[in-house]
N, C-alpha and C. Protein backbone atom coordinates (compact mmCIF):
# COMPACT_ATOMS: atom_id res chain seq x y z
N MET A 1 0.82 -1.19 0.00
CA MET A 1 0.00 0.00 0.00
C MET A 1 0.87 1.26 0.00
N LYS A 2 2.00 1.22 0.75
CA LYS A 2 2.89 2.38 0.79
C LYS A 2 3.47 2.66 -0.59
N LYS A 3 3.85 1.61 -1.32
CA LYS A 3 4.39 1.79 -2.65
C LYS A 3 3.37 2.44 -3.58
N THR A 4 2.12 2.05 -3.43
CA THR A 4 1.06 2.62 -4.26
C THR A 4 0.89 4.11 -3.97
N ILE A 5 0.92 4.49 -2.70
CA ILE A 5 0.75 5.89 -2.33
C ILE A 5 1.94 6.73 -2.81
N VAL A 6 3.16 6.20 -2.62
CA VAL A 6 4.35 6.92 -3.09
C VAL A 6 4.31 7.07 -4.61
N THR A 7 3.92 6.01 -5.31
CA THR A 7 3.82 6.08 -6.77
C THR A 7 2.76 7.08 -7.20
N LEU A 8 1.63 7.11 -6.50
CA LEU A 8 0.57 8.07 -6.80
C LEU A 8 1.07 9.50 -6.63
N ILE A 9 1.75 9.76 -5.53
CA ILE A 9 2.25 11.12 -5.26
C ILE A 9 3.28 11.53 -6.32
N LEU A 10 4.22 10.66 -6.61
CA LEU A 10 5.27 11.01 -7.58
C LEU A 10 4.72 11.18 -8.99
N THR A 11 3.84 10.28 -9.41
CA THR A 11 3.28 10.41 -10.75
C THR A 11 2.38 11.65 -10.85
N PHE A 12 1.69 11.98 -9.78
CA PHE A 12 0.86 13.18 -9.80
C PHE A 12 1.71 14.45 -9.85
N MET A 13 2.85 14.44 -9.14
CA MET A 13 3.76 15.59 -9.22
C MET A 13 4.28 15.76 -10.65
N ILE A 14 4.64 14.65 -11.28
CA ILE A 14 5.10 14.70 -12.67
C ILE A 14 3.98 15.19 -13.58
N TRP A 15 2.77 14.73 -13.33
CA TRP A 15 1.60 15.17 -14.10
C TRP A 15 1.43 16.69 -14.00
N LEU A 16 1.53 17.21 -12.79
CA LEU A 16 1.35 18.66 -12.61
C LEU A 16 2.45 19.46 -13.30
N ILE A 17 3.66 18.92 -13.30
CA ILE A 17 4.77 19.62 -13.96
C ILE A 17 4.53 19.68 -15.47
N PHE A 18 4.11 18.57 -16.06
CA PHE A 18 3.95 18.53 -17.51
C PHE A 18 2.59 19.03 -17.98
N ALA A 19 1.63 19.20 -17.09
CA ALA A 19 0.30 19.66 -17.50
C ALA A 19 0.33 21.09 -18.02
N GLY A 20 1.16 21.93 -17.45
CA GLY A 20 1.27 23.29 -17.93
C GLY A 20 0.35 24.28 -17.25
N LYS A 21 -0.77 23.84 -16.75
CA LYS A 21 -1.67 24.72 -16.02
C LYS A 21 -2.40 23.90 -14.96
N ILE A 22 -2.86 24.60 -13.96
CA ILE A 22 -3.57 23.92 -12.88
C ILE A 22 -5.01 24.43 -12.87
N SER A 23 -5.91 23.49 -13.10
CA SER A 23 -7.33 23.78 -13.02
C SER A 23 -8.02 22.52 -12.50
N LEU A 24 -9.26 22.65 -12.12
CA LEU A 24 -9.98 21.51 -11.54
C LEU A 24 -10.04 20.33 -12.49
N PRO A 25 -10.38 20.51 -13.78
CA PRO A 25 -10.40 19.34 -14.68
C PRO A 25 -9.03 18.68 -14.84
N VAL A 26 -7.97 19.50 -14.89
CA VAL A 26 -6.61 18.95 -15.03
C VAL A 26 -6.23 18.15 -13.78
N ILE A 27 -6.56 18.67 -12.62
CA ILE A 27 -6.25 17.98 -11.36
C ILE A 27 -7.03 16.68 -11.26
N LEU A 28 -8.32 16.69 -11.57
CA LEU A 28 -9.14 15.48 -11.49
C LEU A 28 -8.69 14.43 -12.49
N LEU A 29 -8.44 14.85 -13.72
CA LEU A 29 -7.96 13.91 -14.73
C LEU A 29 -6.61 13.32 -14.32
N GLY A 30 -5.71 14.18 -13.83
CA GLY A 30 -4.40 13.71 -13.39
C GLY A 30 -4.49 12.73 -12.23
N LEU A 31 -5.34 13.04 -11.24
CA LEU A 31 -5.51 12.11 -10.11
C LEU A 31 -6.06 10.78 -10.58
N GLY A 32 -7.01 10.81 -11.50
CA GLY A 32 -7.58 9.56 -12.01
C GLY A 32 -6.55 8.71 -12.73
N ILE A 33 -5.82 9.33 -13.63
CA ILE A 33 -4.81 8.59 -14.39
C ILE A 33 -3.69 8.10 -13.48
N CYS A 34 -3.24 8.95 -12.58
CA CYS A 34 -2.15 8.57 -11.67
C CYS A 34 -2.60 7.48 -10.69
N PHE A 35 -3.85 7.52 -10.28
CA PHE A 35 -4.38 6.47 -9.39
C PHE A 35 -4.38 5.12 -10.10
N ILE A 36 -4.82 5.11 -11.35
CA ILE A 36 -4.83 3.85 -12.12
C ILE A 36 -3.40 3.35 -12.33
N ILE A 37 -2.49 4.25 -12.68
CA ILE A 37 -1.09 3.86 -12.88
C ILE A 37 -0.50 3.30 -11.59
N SER A 38 -0.77 3.96 -10.47
CA SER A 38 -0.20 3.50 -9.20
C SER A 38 -0.78 2.15 -8.78
N LEU A 39 -2.06 1.91 -9.06
CA LEU A 39 -2.64 0.60 -8.72
C LEU A 39 -2.07 -0.52 -9.58
N LEU A 40 -1.90 -0.24 -10.85
CA LEU A 40 -1.46 -1.28 -11.77
C LEU A 40 0.05 -1.51 -11.76
N PHE A 41 0.83 -0.43 -11.58
CA PHE A 41 2.26 -0.55 -11.84
C PHE A 41 3.17 -0.23 -10.66
N ALA A 42 2.66 0.02 -9.47
CA ALA A 42 3.51 0.41 -8.35
C ALA A 42 4.59 -0.64 -8.06
N ASP A 43 4.19 -1.89 -7.96
CA ASP A 43 5.17 -2.94 -7.67
C ASP A 43 6.19 -3.08 -8.79
N LYS A 44 5.72 -2.99 -10.03
CA LYS A 44 6.64 -3.12 -11.16
C LYS A 44 7.61 -1.95 -11.22
N ILE A 45 7.14 -0.76 -10.94
CA ILE A 45 8.02 0.41 -10.96
C ILE A 45 9.08 0.29 -9.88
N PHE A 46 8.68 -0.11 -8.67
CA PHE A 46 9.65 -0.24 -7.58
C PHE A 46 10.64 -1.36 -7.87
N ARG A 47 10.18 -2.45 -8.45
CA ARG A 47 11.07 -3.54 -8.80
C ARG A 47 12.02 -3.12 -9.91
N LEU A 48 11.50 -2.37 -10.89
CA LEU A 48 12.33 -1.90 -12.00
C LEU A 48 13.42 -0.96 -11.50
N LEU A 49 13.10 -0.12 -10.57
CA LEU A 49 14.07 0.83 -10.04
C LEU A 49 14.86 0.28 -8.85
N LYS A 50 14.69 -1.01 -8.58
CA LYS A 50 15.40 -1.68 -7.48
C LYS A 50 15.12 -1.01 -6.15
N MET A 51 13.87 -0.71 -5.89
CA MET A 51 13.51 0.02 -4.68
C MET A 51 12.83 -0.88 -3.66
N ASN A 52 13.50 -1.91 -3.29
CA ASN A 52 12.99 -2.80 -2.25
C ASN A 52 13.67 -2.48 -0.92
N TYR A 53 13.63 -1.22 -0.53
CA TYR A 53 14.30 -0.79 0.67
C TYR A 53 13.52 0.35 1.30
N SER A 54 14.09 0.98 2.30
CA SER A 54 13.38 1.98 3.08
C SER A 54 13.12 3.26 2.28
N TYR A 55 12.20 4.05 2.78
CA TYR A 55 11.85 5.29 2.12
C TYR A 55 12.95 6.34 2.27
N LYS A 56 13.76 6.22 3.31
CA LYS A 56 14.89 7.12 3.48
C LYS A 56 15.86 6.96 2.31
N VAL A 57 16.14 5.74 1.94
CA VAL A 57 17.02 5.46 0.81
C VAL A 57 16.34 5.90 -0.49
N PHE A 58 15.03 5.70 -0.59
CA PHE A 58 14.28 6.11 -1.78
C PHE A 58 14.41 7.61 -2.02
N PHE A 59 14.21 8.42 -0.97
CA PHE A 59 14.29 9.86 -1.14
C PHE A 59 15.73 10.33 -1.35
N LYS A 60 16.70 9.57 -0.82
CA LYS A 60 18.10 9.87 -1.10
C LYS A 60 18.38 9.66 -2.59
N LYS A 61 17.87 8.56 -3.15
CA LYS A 61 18.05 8.30 -4.58
C LYS A 61 17.31 9.32 -5.42
N LEU A 62 16.13 9.72 -4.97
CA LEU A 62 15.37 10.74 -5.67
C LEU A 62 16.14 12.07 -5.69
N PHE A 63 16.79 12.39 -4.58
CA PHE A 63 17.63 13.59 -4.51
C PHE A 63 18.75 13.53 -5.53
N TYR A 64 19.42 12.37 -5.65
CA TYR A 64 20.50 12.23 -6.61
C TYR A 64 19.98 12.30 -8.05
N ILE A 65 18.78 11.79 -8.30
CA ILE A 65 18.19 11.89 -9.63
C ILE A 65 17.98 13.36 -9.99
N VAL A 66 17.45 14.14 -9.05
CA VAL A 66 17.24 15.57 -9.28
C VAL A 66 18.58 16.27 -9.52
N LEU A 67 19.60 15.90 -8.76
CA LEU A 67 20.94 16.48 -8.96
C LEU A 67 21.47 16.18 -10.36
N VAL A 68 21.38 14.93 -10.79
CA VAL A 68 21.89 14.53 -12.10
C VAL A 68 21.15 15.29 -13.20
N ILE A 69 19.83 15.38 -13.09
CA ILE A 69 19.06 16.09 -14.12
C ILE A 69 19.41 17.57 -14.13
N GLY A 70 19.54 18.17 -12.96
CA GLY A 70 19.90 19.59 -12.89
C GLY A 70 21.26 19.88 -13.48
N VAL A 71 22.25 19.08 -13.13
CA VAL A 71 23.61 19.28 -13.66
C VAL A 71 23.62 19.00 -15.16
N PHE A 72 22.85 18.02 -15.60
CA PHE A 72 22.77 17.73 -17.03
C PHE A 72 22.21 18.92 -17.80
N ILE A 73 21.15 19.52 -17.30
CA ILE A 73 20.57 20.69 -17.97
C ILE A 73 21.59 21.83 -18.02
N TYR A 74 22.30 22.04 -16.93
CA TYR A 74 23.34 23.07 -16.89
C TYR A 74 24.44 22.76 -17.91
N ASP A 75 24.91 21.49 -17.95
CA ASP A 75 25.96 21.09 -18.88
C ASP A 75 25.52 21.27 -20.34
N VAL A 76 24.27 20.94 -20.63
CA VAL A 76 23.76 21.11 -21.99
C VAL A 76 23.78 22.59 -22.37
N PHE A 77 23.34 23.44 -21.46
CA PHE A 77 23.31 24.88 -21.73
C PHE A 77 24.72 25.42 -21.98
N VAL A 78 25.66 25.08 -21.10
CA VAL A 78 27.03 25.58 -21.23
C VAL A 78 27.68 25.01 -22.50
N SER A 79 27.49 23.73 -22.77
CA SER A 79 28.09 23.11 -23.96
C SER A 79 27.50 23.68 -25.24
N ALA A 80 26.21 23.97 -25.24
CA ALA A 80 25.59 24.56 -26.43
C ALA A 80 26.19 25.93 -26.72
N ILE A 81 26.46 26.69 -25.69
CA ILE A 81 27.08 28.00 -25.88
C ILE A 81 28.49 27.83 -26.44
N LYS A 82 29.27 26.89 -25.89
CA LYS A 82 30.65 26.67 -26.36
C LYS A 82 30.67 26.19 -27.81
N VAL A 83 29.79 25.26 -28.15
CA VAL A 83 29.74 24.76 -29.52
C VAL A 83 29.29 25.86 -30.47
N SER A 84 28.35 26.68 -30.05
CA SER A 84 27.89 27.81 -30.88
C SER A 84 29.03 28.80 -31.11
N GLN A 85 29.83 29.06 -30.10
CA GLN A 85 30.97 29.95 -30.27
C GLN A 85 31.94 29.40 -31.31
N HIS A 86 32.20 28.08 -31.23
CA HIS A 86 33.10 27.46 -32.20
C HIS A 86 32.52 27.53 -33.62
N ALA A 87 31.22 27.42 -33.73
CA ALA A 87 30.59 27.43 -35.05
C ALA A 87 30.71 28.79 -35.73
N PHE A 88 30.75 29.84 -34.93
CA PHE A 88 30.78 31.18 -35.51
C PHE A 88 32.15 31.85 -35.46
N GLU A 89 33.20 31.13 -35.09
CA GLU A 89 34.54 31.70 -35.08
C GLU A 89 35.06 31.87 -36.51
N LEU A 90 35.76 32.98 -36.75
CA LEU A 90 36.37 33.17 -38.05
C LEU A 90 37.56 32.23 -38.25
N HIS A 91 38.33 32.05 -37.19
CA HIS A 91 39.47 31.14 -37.22
C HIS A 91 39.24 30.09 -36.13
N PRO A 92 38.67 28.94 -36.49
CA PRO A 92 38.32 27.93 -35.49
C PRO A 92 39.52 27.52 -34.64
N SER A 93 39.27 27.43 -33.33
CA SER A 93 40.35 27.11 -32.40
C SER A 93 40.10 25.80 -31.65
N PHE A 94 39.11 25.06 -32.07
CA PHE A 94 38.84 23.81 -31.37
C PHE A 94 39.72 22.69 -31.91
N SER A 95 39.85 21.62 -31.11
CA SER A 95 40.68 20.50 -31.51
C SER A 95 39.92 19.20 -31.24
N PRO A 96 39.21 18.70 -32.25
CA PRO A 96 38.43 17.48 -32.05
C PRO A 96 39.32 16.25 -31.90
N GLY A 97 38.80 15.26 -31.18
CA GLY A 97 39.55 14.03 -31.00
C GLY A 97 38.72 12.98 -30.29
N ILE A 98 39.26 11.78 -30.28
CA ILE A 98 38.62 10.66 -29.59
C ILE A 98 39.40 10.40 -28.31
N VAL A 99 38.68 10.39 -27.19
CA VAL A 99 39.31 10.18 -25.89
C VAL A 99 38.76 8.90 -25.27
N LYS A 100 39.56 8.32 -24.40
CA LYS A 100 39.17 7.11 -23.67
C LYS A 100 39.07 7.47 -22.20
N ILE A 101 37.89 7.20 -21.62
CA ILE A 101 37.68 7.51 -20.20
C ILE A 101 37.18 6.26 -19.50
N LYS A 102 37.87 5.89 -18.44
CA LYS A 102 37.49 4.71 -17.65
C LYS A 102 36.43 5.11 -16.63
N THR A 103 35.44 4.25 -16.47
CA THR A 103 34.38 4.51 -15.51
C THR A 103 34.49 3.56 -14.33
N SER A 104 33.97 3.99 -13.20
CA SER A 104 33.95 3.13 -12.01
C SER A 104 32.58 2.50 -11.82
N LEU A 105 31.65 2.77 -12.73
CA LEU A 105 30.31 2.21 -12.62
C LEU A 105 30.34 0.72 -12.92
N ASN A 106 29.55 -0.05 -12.17
CA ASN A 106 29.46 -1.49 -12.38
C ASN A 106 28.12 -1.91 -12.94
N ASP A 107 27.07 -1.16 -12.62
CA ASP A 107 25.73 -1.50 -13.05
C ASP A 107 25.53 -1.09 -14.51
N ILE A 108 25.01 -2.00 -15.33
CA ILE A 108 24.85 -1.73 -16.76
C ILE A 108 23.87 -0.60 -17.01
N THR A 109 22.87 -0.46 -16.15
CA THR A 109 21.91 0.64 -16.32
C THR A 109 22.59 1.98 -16.06
N GLY A 110 23.41 2.05 -15.04
CA GLY A 110 24.15 3.28 -14.76
C GLY A 110 25.12 3.63 -15.88
N ILE A 111 25.79 2.61 -16.42
CA ILE A 111 26.71 2.83 -17.54
C ILE A 111 25.95 3.39 -18.74
N THR A 112 24.77 2.84 -19.00
CA THR A 112 23.96 3.29 -20.13
C THR A 112 23.44 4.71 -19.92
N VAL A 113 22.99 5.01 -18.70
CA VAL A 113 22.49 6.35 -18.41
C VAL A 113 23.61 7.38 -18.58
N LEU A 114 24.79 7.08 -18.07
CA LEU A 114 25.91 8.00 -18.21
C LEU A 114 26.29 8.19 -19.68
N ALA A 115 26.30 7.10 -20.45
CA ALA A 115 26.60 7.21 -21.88
C ALA A 115 25.58 8.09 -22.59
N ASN A 116 24.31 7.95 -22.23
CA ASN A 116 23.28 8.79 -22.84
C ASN A 116 23.45 10.26 -22.45
N LEU A 117 23.78 10.52 -21.20
CA LEU A 117 23.99 11.90 -20.76
C LEU A 117 25.16 12.54 -21.50
N ILE A 118 26.23 11.77 -21.71
CA ILE A 118 27.39 12.28 -22.44
C ILE A 118 27.00 12.56 -23.89
N THR A 119 26.28 11.64 -24.51
CA THR A 119 25.91 11.79 -25.91
C THR A 119 24.93 12.95 -26.12
N LEU A 120 24.03 13.16 -25.19
CA LEU A 120 23.04 14.23 -25.33
C LEU A 120 23.61 15.62 -25.08
N THR A 121 24.82 15.69 -24.54
CA THR A 121 25.47 16.98 -24.32
C THR A 121 26.15 17.40 -25.62
N PRO A 122 25.88 18.62 -26.10
CA PRO A 122 26.50 19.06 -27.35
C PRO A 122 28.03 19.05 -27.28
N GLY A 123 28.65 18.54 -28.34
CA GLY A 123 30.10 18.52 -28.41
C GLY A 123 30.73 17.20 -28.02
N THR A 124 29.94 16.26 -27.49
CA THR A 124 30.47 14.96 -27.11
C THR A 124 29.56 13.86 -27.67
N LEU A 125 30.17 12.73 -27.97
CA LEU A 125 29.43 11.59 -28.50
C LEU A 125 30.11 10.31 -28.05
N VAL A 126 29.41 9.45 -27.35
CA VAL A 126 29.96 8.16 -26.95
C VAL A 126 29.89 7.25 -28.17
N MET A 127 31.06 6.83 -28.64
CA MET A 127 31.13 6.00 -29.84
C MET A 127 31.11 4.52 -29.51
N ASP A 128 31.71 4.15 -28.38
CA ASP A 128 31.81 2.74 -28.03
C ASP A 128 32.05 2.62 -26.53
N PHE A 129 31.79 1.43 -26.01
CA PHE A 129 32.08 1.14 -24.61
C PHE A 129 32.74 -0.22 -24.54
N ASP A 130 33.90 -0.28 -23.93
CA ASP A 130 34.63 -1.53 -23.75
C ASP A 130 34.17 -2.17 -22.44
N VAL A 131 33.45 -3.28 -22.54
CA VAL A 131 32.85 -3.91 -21.37
C VAL A 131 33.92 -4.50 -20.45
N LEU A 132 34.97 -5.05 -21.00
CA LEU A 132 36.00 -5.69 -20.18
C LEU A 132 36.78 -4.69 -19.34
N ASP A 133 37.20 -3.59 -19.96
CA ASP A 133 37.99 -2.60 -19.24
C ASP A 133 37.15 -1.44 -18.71
N ARG A 134 35.86 -1.42 -19.04
CA ARG A 134 34.91 -0.37 -18.63
C ARG A 134 35.40 1.02 -19.06
N ASN A 135 35.74 1.12 -20.34
CA ASN A 135 36.19 2.39 -20.92
C ASN A 135 35.16 2.91 -21.92
N TYR A 136 34.86 4.20 -21.82
CA TYR A 136 34.07 4.88 -22.84
C TYR A 136 35.04 5.42 -23.89
N PHE A 137 34.67 5.32 -25.16
CA PHE A 137 35.39 5.97 -26.23
C PHE A 137 34.49 7.09 -26.72
N ILE A 138 34.95 8.32 -26.50
CA ILE A 138 34.12 9.50 -26.71
C ILE A 138 34.75 10.40 -27.75
N HIS A 139 33.95 10.81 -28.74
CA HIS A 139 34.41 11.84 -29.66
C HIS A 139 34.06 13.18 -29.03
N TRP A 140 35.09 13.99 -28.85
CA TRP A 140 34.93 15.27 -28.15
C TRP A 140 35.37 16.36 -29.10
N ILE A 141 34.56 17.38 -29.24
CA ILE A 141 34.83 18.42 -30.23
C ILE A 141 35.98 19.34 -29.83
N ASP A 142 36.27 19.42 -28.54
CA ASP A 142 37.29 20.36 -28.08
C ASP A 142 38.16 19.72 -26.99
N VAL A 143 39.09 18.88 -27.42
CA VAL A 143 40.00 18.22 -26.48
C VAL A 143 41.03 19.23 -26.02
N ARG A 144 41.01 19.54 -24.74
CA ARG A 144 41.91 20.55 -24.20
C ARG A 144 43.16 19.93 -23.57
N SER A 145 43.03 18.68 -23.13
CA SER A 145 44.13 18.02 -22.44
C SER A 145 44.04 16.52 -22.70
N ARG A 146 45.15 15.83 -22.62
CA ARG A 146 45.16 14.38 -22.76
C ARG A 146 45.29 13.68 -21.41
N ASP A 147 45.27 14.44 -20.34
CA ASP A 147 45.31 13.87 -19.00
C ASP A 147 43.95 13.26 -18.69
N GLU A 148 43.94 11.95 -18.36
CA GLU A 148 42.68 11.24 -18.18
C GLU A 148 41.85 11.81 -17.03
N ALA A 149 42.50 12.21 -15.96
CA ALA A 149 41.76 12.78 -14.82
C ALA A 149 41.08 14.09 -15.20
N GLU A 150 41.78 14.94 -15.95
CA GLU A 150 41.19 16.21 -16.39
C GLU A 150 40.04 15.98 -17.35
N MET A 151 40.22 15.03 -18.30
CA MET A 151 39.16 14.74 -19.26
C MET A 151 37.93 14.19 -18.55
N LYS A 152 38.16 13.30 -17.58
CA LYS A 152 37.05 12.72 -16.85
C LYS A 152 36.30 13.79 -16.07
N LYS A 153 37.04 14.71 -15.46
CA LYS A 153 36.41 15.80 -14.71
C LYS A 153 35.62 16.71 -15.64
N GLU A 154 36.17 16.99 -16.82
CA GLU A 154 35.53 17.89 -17.77
C GLU A 154 34.26 17.29 -18.39
N ILE A 155 34.32 16.02 -18.78
CA ILE A 155 33.19 15.40 -19.49
C ILE A 155 32.16 14.83 -18.53
N ILE A 156 32.62 14.08 -17.53
CA ILE A 156 31.69 13.38 -16.65
C ILE A 156 31.39 14.18 -15.39
N GLY A 157 32.39 14.83 -14.84
CA GLY A 157 32.20 15.60 -13.62
C GLY A 157 31.81 14.71 -12.46
N LYS A 158 30.87 15.18 -11.66
CA LYS A 158 30.42 14.43 -10.50
C LYS A 158 29.25 13.51 -10.83
N GLN A 159 28.78 13.56 -12.06
CA GLN A 159 27.61 12.76 -12.42
C GLN A 159 27.85 11.27 -12.25
N GLU A 160 29.06 10.81 -12.48
CA GLU A 160 29.36 9.39 -12.34
C GLU A 160 29.10 8.91 -10.91
N ASN A 161 29.55 9.67 -9.92
CA ASN A 161 29.33 9.29 -8.52
C ASN A 161 27.86 9.34 -8.16
N TRP A 162 27.14 10.34 -8.66
CA TRP A 162 25.72 10.46 -8.37
C TRP A 162 24.93 9.33 -9.01
N ILE A 163 25.30 8.96 -10.24
CA ILE A 163 24.62 7.85 -10.92
C ILE A 163 24.92 6.55 -10.18
N GLU A 164 26.13 6.42 -9.67
CA GLU A 164 26.48 5.23 -8.89
C GLU A 164 25.61 5.15 -7.63
N ASN A 165 25.34 6.27 -7.00
CA ASN A 165 24.46 6.28 -5.82
C ASN A 165 23.02 5.94 -6.18
N ILE A 166 22.60 6.25 -7.38
CA ILE A 166 21.23 5.94 -7.81
C ILE A 166 21.10 4.45 -8.07
N PHE A 167 22.04 3.86 -8.77
CA PHE A 167 21.89 2.47 -9.24
C PHE A 167 22.70 1.46 -8.45
N GLU A 168 23.14 1.78 -7.26
CA GLU A 168 23.92 0.83 -6.45
C GLU A 168 23.06 -0.30 -5.94
């Protein structure tokens, strides 16, 4: 029953965010749809997200999800500005290249999420992932250094640790 209530609250919050306006019909329709979703899929959602633990851990993971999304939006904004600057330079100063970055993630879902976040950021593209050595091969539009620690900090930042906390 607790899982159903938590699922109802979270799906309703998402509904209100994406609805665009708050009115009585929108609230009633959202509650109805979210109630049906929570009754049918609460156990499956918790099992899918590996949430067979306390609510304290659940909200900790939810906090890290919000952090990852917020930093991702910031990174997309900053990268879009940098790529736009390179596009309009009279004498281009960028140096594209393929870099190899080792990850400490063990969970395949976390590895996939991080690869998608890297690819969705302008100026970077995950080309391949070496499963044995856990290395990403990334095409980066502006390689500033060949030091692996600097590259990892620049491309991945703290997102790797936060994703590890989500999918541990």
